[in-house]
Amino acid sequence: MSVMLNSILLQAQAPSAVPQLLIMVGMFIVMYFFLLRPQSKRAKEQKKFTESISAGEKIVTTAGIHAVINRVNEDGTLQIEVSRGTFMIIDRSAVSMEMTNAFRKKTEGTAVAAK
């Protein structure tokens, strides 16, 4: 009996590596579509936003500073007016697209409600 059991066990084939490979490929595909692709899309939108800002626009920086753009400099910096007569120079990348858009929606909502 034990000889027959040993011969059956020795004849069993090794498991295939294909299912494991498919699982790994599937994990990379899921990671690409749920993590990498949306992040690169957001980065492109942020870059487009920072390139499109101009003088006179109200912005919010990543540090939470609310200001109005006074001048767009040639070296990629912005001169902003924080309060009347108080100016700061910041880099374009310091302007937050999400916070600026939220601020604009909030102020448009209050302006419509005030009318």
N, C-alpha and C. Protein backbone atom coordinates (compact mmCIF):
# COMPACT_ATOMS: atom_id res chain seq x y z
N MET A 1 0.82 -1.18 0.00
CA MET A 1 0.00 0.00 0.00
C MET A 1 0.87 1.26 0.00
N SER A 2 1.88 1.28 0.87
CA SER A 2 2.72 2.47 0.92
C SER A 2 3.54 2.64 -0.35
N VAL A 3 3.89 1.53 -1.02
CA VAL A 3 4.63 1.61 -2.27
C VAL A 3 3.75 2.25 -3.35
N MET A 4 2.49 1.87 -3.37
CA MET A 4 1.57 2.43 -4.35
C MET A 4 1.33 3.92 -4.08
N LEU A 5 1.23 4.32 -2.82
CA LEU A 5 1.03 5.73 -2.46
C LEU A 5 2.24 6.55 -2.85
N ASN A 6 3.44 6.01 -2.62
CA ASN A 6 4.67 6.71 -3.00
C ASN A 6 4.76 6.88 -4.51
N SER A 7 4.39 5.85 -5.26
CA SER A 7 4.47 5.96 -6.71
C SER A 7 3.45 6.97 -7.24
N ILE A 8 2.30 7.09 -6.60
CA ILE A 8 1.30 8.09 -7.02
C ILE A 8 1.82 9.49 -6.72
N LEU A 9 2.41 9.71 -5.56
CA LEU A 9 2.94 11.01 -5.19
C LEU A 9 4.11 11.42 -6.08
N LEU A 10 4.94 10.46 -6.48
CA LEU A 10 6.08 10.77 -7.33
C LEU A 10 5.66 11.11 -8.75
N GLN A 11 4.52 10.59 -9.18
CA GLN A 11 4.04 10.85 -10.52
C GLN A 11 3.30 12.18 -10.62
N ALA A 12 2.95 12.79 -9.51
CA ALA A 12 2.22 14.07 -9.53
C ALA A 12 3.09 15.15 -10.14
N GLN A 13 2.47 15.99 -10.97
CA GLN A 13 3.21 17.04 -11.65
C GLN A 13 3.36 18.26 -10.73
N ALA A 14 4.40 19.02 -11.01
CA ALA A 14 4.62 20.26 -10.25
C ALA A 14 3.57 21.29 -10.67
N PRO A 15 3.13 22.14 -9.76
CA PRO A 15 2.11 23.14 -10.11
C PRO A 15 2.67 24.13 -11.15
N SER A 16 1.80 24.61 -11.98
CA SER A 16 2.19 25.53 -13.04
C SER A 16 2.42 26.94 -12.48
N ALA A 17 3.35 27.65 -13.08
CA ALA A 17 3.66 29.02 -12.65
C ALA A 17 2.78 30.06 -13.35
N VAL A 18 1.97 29.64 -14.30
CA VAL A 18 1.14 30.56 -15.07
C VAL A 18 0.14 31.31 -14.19
N PRO A 19 -0.59 30.65 -13.30
CA PRO A 19 -1.54 31.42 -12.47
C PRO A 19 -0.85 32.48 -11.60
N GLN A 20 0.31 32.15 -11.06
CA GLN A 20 1.04 33.13 -10.26
C GLN A 20 1.49 34.31 -11.10
N LEU A 21 1.93 34.03 -12.31
CA LEU A 21 2.35 35.09 -13.23
C LEU A 21 1.16 35.99 -13.59
N LEU A 22 0.01 35.38 -13.85
CA LEU A 22 -1.18 36.16 -14.18
C LEU A 22 -1.62 37.05 -13.01
N ILE A 23 -1.50 36.55 -11.81
CA ILE A 23 -1.84 37.35 -10.63
C ILE A 23 -0.90 38.54 -10.50
N MET A 24 0.38 38.33 -10.72
CA MET A 24 1.35 39.43 -10.64
C MET A 24 1.09 40.48 -11.70
N VAL A 25 0.84 40.05 -12.94
CA VAL A 25 0.53 40.99 -14.02
C VAL A 25 -0.74 41.75 -13.71
N GLY A 26 -1.74 41.06 -13.20
CA GLY A 26 -3.00 41.71 -12.82
C GLY A 26 -2.79 42.75 -11.73
N MET A 27 -1.92 42.47 -10.77
CA MET A 27 -1.65 43.44 -9.71
C MET A 27 -0.98 44.70 -10.27
N PHE A 28 -0.06 44.53 -11.21
CA PHE A 28 0.59 45.69 -11.82
C PHE A 28 -0.40 46.52 -12.63
N ILE A 29 -1.31 45.86 -13.33
CA ILE A 29 -2.32 46.58 -14.11
C ILE A 29 -3.23 47.38 -13.19
N VAL A 30 -3.68 46.76 -12.12
CA VAL A 30 -4.54 47.46 -11.15
C VAL A 30 -3.80 48.63 -10.53
N MET A 31 -2.54 48.42 -10.16
CA MET A 31 -1.75 49.50 -9.58
C MET A 31 -1.60 50.66 -10.56
N TYR A 32 -1.40 50.36 -11.84
CA TYR A 32 -1.25 51.42 -12.85
C TYR A 32 -2.53 52.24 -12.96
N PHE A 33 -3.67 51.56 -13.09
CA PHE A 33 -4.92 52.28 -13.33
C PHE A 33 -5.46 52.98 -12.09
N PHE A 34 -5.15 52.49 -10.89
CA PHE A 34 -5.68 53.12 -9.69
C PHE A 34 -4.71 54.06 -9.00
N LEU A 35 -3.42 53.96 -9.27
CA LEU A 35 -2.45 54.81 -8.58
C LEU A 35 -1.65 55.70 -9.53
N LEU A 36 -0.97 55.11 -10.47
CA LEU A 36 -0.03 55.86 -11.29
C LEU A 36 -0.72 56.76 -12.32
N ARG A 37 -1.71 56.25 -13.01
CA ARG A 37 -2.37 57.03 -14.06
C ARG A 37 -3.10 58.26 -13.50
N PRO A 38 -3.91 58.13 -12.44
CA PRO A 38 -4.56 59.33 -11.90
C PRO A 38 -3.57 60.36 -11.36
N GLN A 39 -2.47 59.89 -10.80
CA GLN A 39 -1.47 60.81 -10.26
C GLN A 39 -0.82 61.61 -11.39
N SER A 40 -0.49 60.96 -12.49
CA SER A 40 0.10 61.69 -13.61
C SER A 40 -0.91 62.63 -14.25
N LYS A 41 -2.17 62.25 -14.27
CA LYS A 41 -3.23 63.12 -14.80
C LYS A 41 -3.35 64.38 -13.95
N ARG A 42 -3.34 64.21 -12.62
CA ARG A 42 -3.40 65.37 -11.72
C ARG A 42 -2.19 66.27 -11.87
N ALA A 43 -1.03 65.68 -12.07
CA ALA A 43 0.19 66.47 -12.26
C ALA A 43 0.11 67.30 -13.53
N LYS A 44 -0.44 66.73 -14.60
CA LYS A 44 -0.61 67.48 -15.85
C LYS A 44 -1.59 68.64 -15.65
N GLU A 45 -2.70 68.37 -14.94
CA GLU A 45 -3.68 69.43 -14.68
C GLU A 45 -3.07 70.56 -13.85
N GLN A 46 -2.26 70.21 -12.84
CA GLN A 46 -1.62 71.20 -11.99
C GLN A 46 -0.65 72.05 -12.81
N LYS A 47 0.11 71.41 -13.69
CA LYS A 47 1.06 72.14 -14.53
C LYS A 47 0.33 73.09 -15.47
N LYS A 48 -0.75 72.62 -16.06
CA LYS A 48 -1.56 73.47 -16.95
C LYS A 48 -2.14 74.65 -16.18
N PHE A 49 -2.59 74.40 -14.95
CA PHE A 49 -3.15 75.45 -14.12
C PHE A 49 -2.10 76.51 -13.77
N THR A 50 -0.91 76.07 -13.36
CA THR A 50 0.12 77.03 -12.98
C THR A 50 0.61 77.85 -14.16
N GLU A 51 0.57 77.27 -15.36
CA GLU A 51 0.98 78.02 -16.54
C GLU A 51 -0.09 79.02 -16.99
N SER A 52 -1.34 78.78 -16.62
CA SER A 52 -2.43 79.63 -17.10
C SER A 52 -2.76 80.80 -16.17
N ILE A 53 -2.19 80.82 -14.96
CA ILE A 53 -2.53 81.91 -14.05
C ILE A 53 -1.91 83.23 -14.53
N SER A 54 -2.63 84.31 -14.29
CA SER A 54 -2.17 85.62 -14.76
C SER A 54 -2.42 86.68 -13.69
N ALA A 55 -1.94 87.87 -13.96
CA ALA A 55 -2.06 88.98 -13.01
C ALA A 55 -3.53 89.31 -12.76
N GLY A 56 -3.83 89.64 -11.51
CA GLY A 56 -5.18 90.03 -11.13
C GLY A 56 -6.03 88.90 -10.58
N GLU A 57 -5.56 87.67 -10.68
CA GLU A 57 -6.32 86.53 -10.19
C GLU A 57 -6.10 86.32 -8.70
N LYS A 58 -7.17 85.92 -8.02
CA LYS A 58 -7.06 85.58 -6.61
C LYS A 58 -6.63 84.12 -6.51
N ILE A 59 -5.64 83.86 -5.65
CA ILE A 59 -5.08 82.52 -5.51
C ILE A 59 -4.94 82.15 -4.04
N VAL A 60 -4.70 80.86 -3.82
CA VAL A 60 -4.35 80.34 -2.50
C VAL A 60 -3.09 79.51 -2.68
N THR A 61 -2.06 79.78 -1.89
CA THR A 61 -0.82 79.03 -2.01
C THR A 61 -0.92 77.72 -1.25
N THR A 62 0.06 76.86 -1.43
CA THR A 62 0.06 75.58 -0.71
C THR A 62 0.23 75.80 0.79
N ALA A 63 0.75 76.95 1.19
CA ALA A 63 0.88 77.28 2.61
C ALA A 63 -0.40 77.88 3.18
N GLY A 64 -1.41 78.10 2.31
CA GLY A 64 -2.68 78.64 2.77
C GLY A 64 -2.77 80.15 2.72
N ILE A 65 -1.84 80.80 2.06
CA ILE A 65 -1.85 82.26 1.96
C ILE A 65 -2.78 82.67 0.83
N HIS A 66 -3.76 83.52 1.16
CA HIS A 66 -4.69 84.05 0.17
C HIS A 66 -4.11 85.36 -0.35
N ALA A 67 -4.06 85.50 -1.69
CA ALA A 67 -3.43 86.69 -2.27
C ALA A 67 -3.99 86.94 -3.65
N VAL A 68 -3.58 88.09 -4.20
CA VAL A 68 -3.90 88.46 -5.58
C VAL A 68 -2.58 88.58 -6.32
N ILE A 69 -2.53 88.00 -7.52
CA ILE A 69 -1.29 88.06 -8.31
C ILE A 69 -1.13 89.49 -8.82
N ASN A 70 0.00 90.09 -8.48
CA ASN A 70 0.30 91.45 -8.91
C ASN A 70 1.06 91.45 -10.23
N ARG A 71 2.04 90.55 -10.34
CA ARG A 71 2.86 90.51 -11.55
C ARG A 71 3.40 89.09 -11.75
N VAL A 72 3.43 88.67 -13.01
CA VAL A 72 4.03 87.38 -13.38
C VAL A 72 5.42 87.67 -13.92
N ASN A 73 6.43 87.16 -13.23
CA ASN A 73 7.82 87.41 -13.61
C ASN A 73 8.29 86.41 -14.66
N GLU A 74 9.33 86.78 -15.38
CA GLU A 74 9.87 85.96 -16.47
C GLU A 74 10.56 84.69 -15.96
N ASP A 75 11.04 84.72 -14.72
CA ASP A 75 11.82 83.59 -14.19
C ASP A 75 10.95 82.50 -13.54
N GLY A 76 9.65 82.54 -13.77
CA GLY A 76 8.77 81.52 -13.22
C GLY A 76 8.27 81.83 -11.82
N THR A 77 8.45 83.07 -11.38
CA THR A 77 7.95 83.46 -10.07
C THR A 77 6.78 84.41 -10.23
N LEU A 78 6.06 84.60 -9.14
CA LEU A 78 4.91 85.50 -9.12
C LEU A 78 5.09 86.51 -8.00
N GLN A 79 4.73 87.74 -8.26
CA GLN A 79 4.69 88.73 -7.19
C GLN A 79 3.22 88.81 -6.78
N ILE A 80 2.96 88.49 -5.53
CA ILE A 80 1.59 88.49 -5.04
C ILE A 80 1.41 89.58 -3.99
N GLU A 81 0.19 90.08 -3.91
CA GLU A 81 -0.15 91.08 -2.90
C GLU A 81 -1.01 90.39 -1.85
N VAL A 82 -0.45 90.29 -0.65
CA VAL A 82 -1.12 89.60 0.44
C VAL A 82 -2.13 90.53 1.11
N SER A 83 -1.73 91.74 1.36
CA SER A 83 -2.63 92.78 1.85
C SER A 83 -2.20 94.08 1.17
N ARG A 84 -2.97 95.10 1.33
CA ARG A 84 -2.70 96.35 0.63
C ARG A 84 -1.27 96.83 0.93
N GLY A 85 -0.43 96.86 -0.11
CA GLY A 85 0.95 97.33 0.03
C GLY A 85 1.94 96.29 0.49
N THR A 86 1.51 95.06 0.76
CA THR A 86 2.40 93.99 1.20
C THR A 86 2.56 92.98 0.07
N PHE A 87 3.77 92.87 -0.45
CA PHE A 87 4.03 92.01 -1.59
C PHE A 87 4.98 90.89 -1.20
N MET A 88 4.81 89.75 -1.84
CA MET A 88 5.69 88.60 -1.67
C MET A 88 6.01 88.05 -3.05
N ILE A 89 7.17 87.44 -3.18
CA ILE A 89 7.52 86.75 -4.42
C ILE A 89 7.53 85.26 -4.12
N ILE A 90 6.75 84.50 -4.90
CA ILE A 90 6.67 83.05 -4.72
C ILE A 90 6.90 82.37 -6.06
N ASP A 91 7.17 81.10 -5.99
CA ASP A 91 7.32 80.30 -7.20
C ASP A 91 5.93 79.89 -7.71
N ARG A 92 5.80 79.71 -9.01
CA ARG A 92 4.50 79.32 -9.59
C ARG A 92 4.00 78.00 -8.99
N SER A 93 4.92 77.10 -8.69
CA SER A 93 4.52 75.79 -8.18
C SER A 93 3.94 75.87 -6.76
N ALA A 94 4.06 77.02 -6.11
CA ALA A 94 3.52 77.17 -4.76
C ALA A 94 2.03 77.48 -4.76
N VAL A 95 1.44 77.68 -5.94
CA VAL A 95 0.01 77.95 -6.03
C VAL A 95 -0.72 76.62 -6.08
N SER A 96 -1.68 76.44 -5.17
CA SER A 96 -2.42 75.19 -5.09
C SER A 96 -3.67 75.25 -5.96
N MET A 97 -3.77 74.33 -6.90
CA MET A 97 -4.92 74.29 -7.79
C MET A 97 -6.19 73.92 -7.02
N GLU A 98 -6.11 72.91 -6.15
CA GLU A 98 -7.29 72.46 -5.42
C GLU A 98 -7.81 73.55 -4.48
N MET A 99 -6.90 74.16 -3.71
CA MET A 99 -7.34 75.18 -2.75
C MET A 99 -7.82 76.44 -3.46
N THR A 100 -7.19 76.80 -4.58
CA THR A 100 -7.61 77.98 -5.33
C THR A 100 -8.99 77.77 -5.92
N ASN A 101 -9.23 76.59 -6.51
CA ASN A 101 -10.54 76.31 -7.08
C ASN A 101 -11.62 76.26 -6.00
N ALA A 102 -11.30 75.68 -4.86
CA ALA A 102 -12.26 75.64 -3.75
C ALA A 102 -12.57 77.05 -3.26
N PHE A 103 -11.55 77.90 -3.17
CA PHE A 103 -11.73 79.28 -2.74
C PHE A 103 -12.61 80.04 -3.73
N ARG A 104 -12.35 79.82 -5.03
CA ARG A 104 -13.14 80.51 -6.06
C ARG A 104 -14.60 80.08 -6.02
N LYS A 105 -14.86 78.79 -5.84
CA LYS A 105 -16.24 78.30 -5.74
C LYS A 105 -16.93 78.88 -4.52
N LYS A 106 -16.19 78.95 -3.42
CA LYS A 106 -16.76 79.48 -2.18
C LYS A 106 -17.11 80.96 -2.33
N THR A 107 -16.20 81.74 -2.93
CA THR A 107 -16.46 83.17 -3.08
C THR A 107 -17.53 83.43 -4.13
N GLU A 108 -17.61 82.61 -5.17
CA GLU A 108 -18.69 82.77 -6.16
C GLU A 108 -20.03 82.44 -5.52
N GLY A 109 -20.05 81.44 -4.66
CA GLY A 109 -21.30 81.06 -3.97
C GLY A 109 -21.78 82.16 -3.04
N THR A 110 -20.86 82.80 -2.32
CA THR A 110 -21.26 83.87 -1.42
C THR A 110 -21.64 85.13 -2.19
N ALA A 111 -21.02 85.36 -3.34
CA ALA A 111 -21.35 86.52 -4.17
C ALA A 111 -22.74 86.37 -4.75
N VAL A 112 -23.10 85.16 -5.16
CA VAL A 112 -24.44 84.91 -5.70
C VAL A 112 -25.48 85.03 -4.60
N ALA A 113 -25.16 84.54 -3.39
CA ALA A 113 -26.08 84.62 -2.27
C ALA A 113 -26.29 86.05 -1.80
N ALA A 114 -25.27 86.90 -1.95
CA ALA A 114 -25.36 88.29 -1.51
C ALA A 114 -26.25 89.12 -2.44
N LYS A 115 -26.38 88.69 -3.69
CA LYS A 115 -27.19 89.45 -4.66
C LYS A 115 -28.62 89.26 -4.41
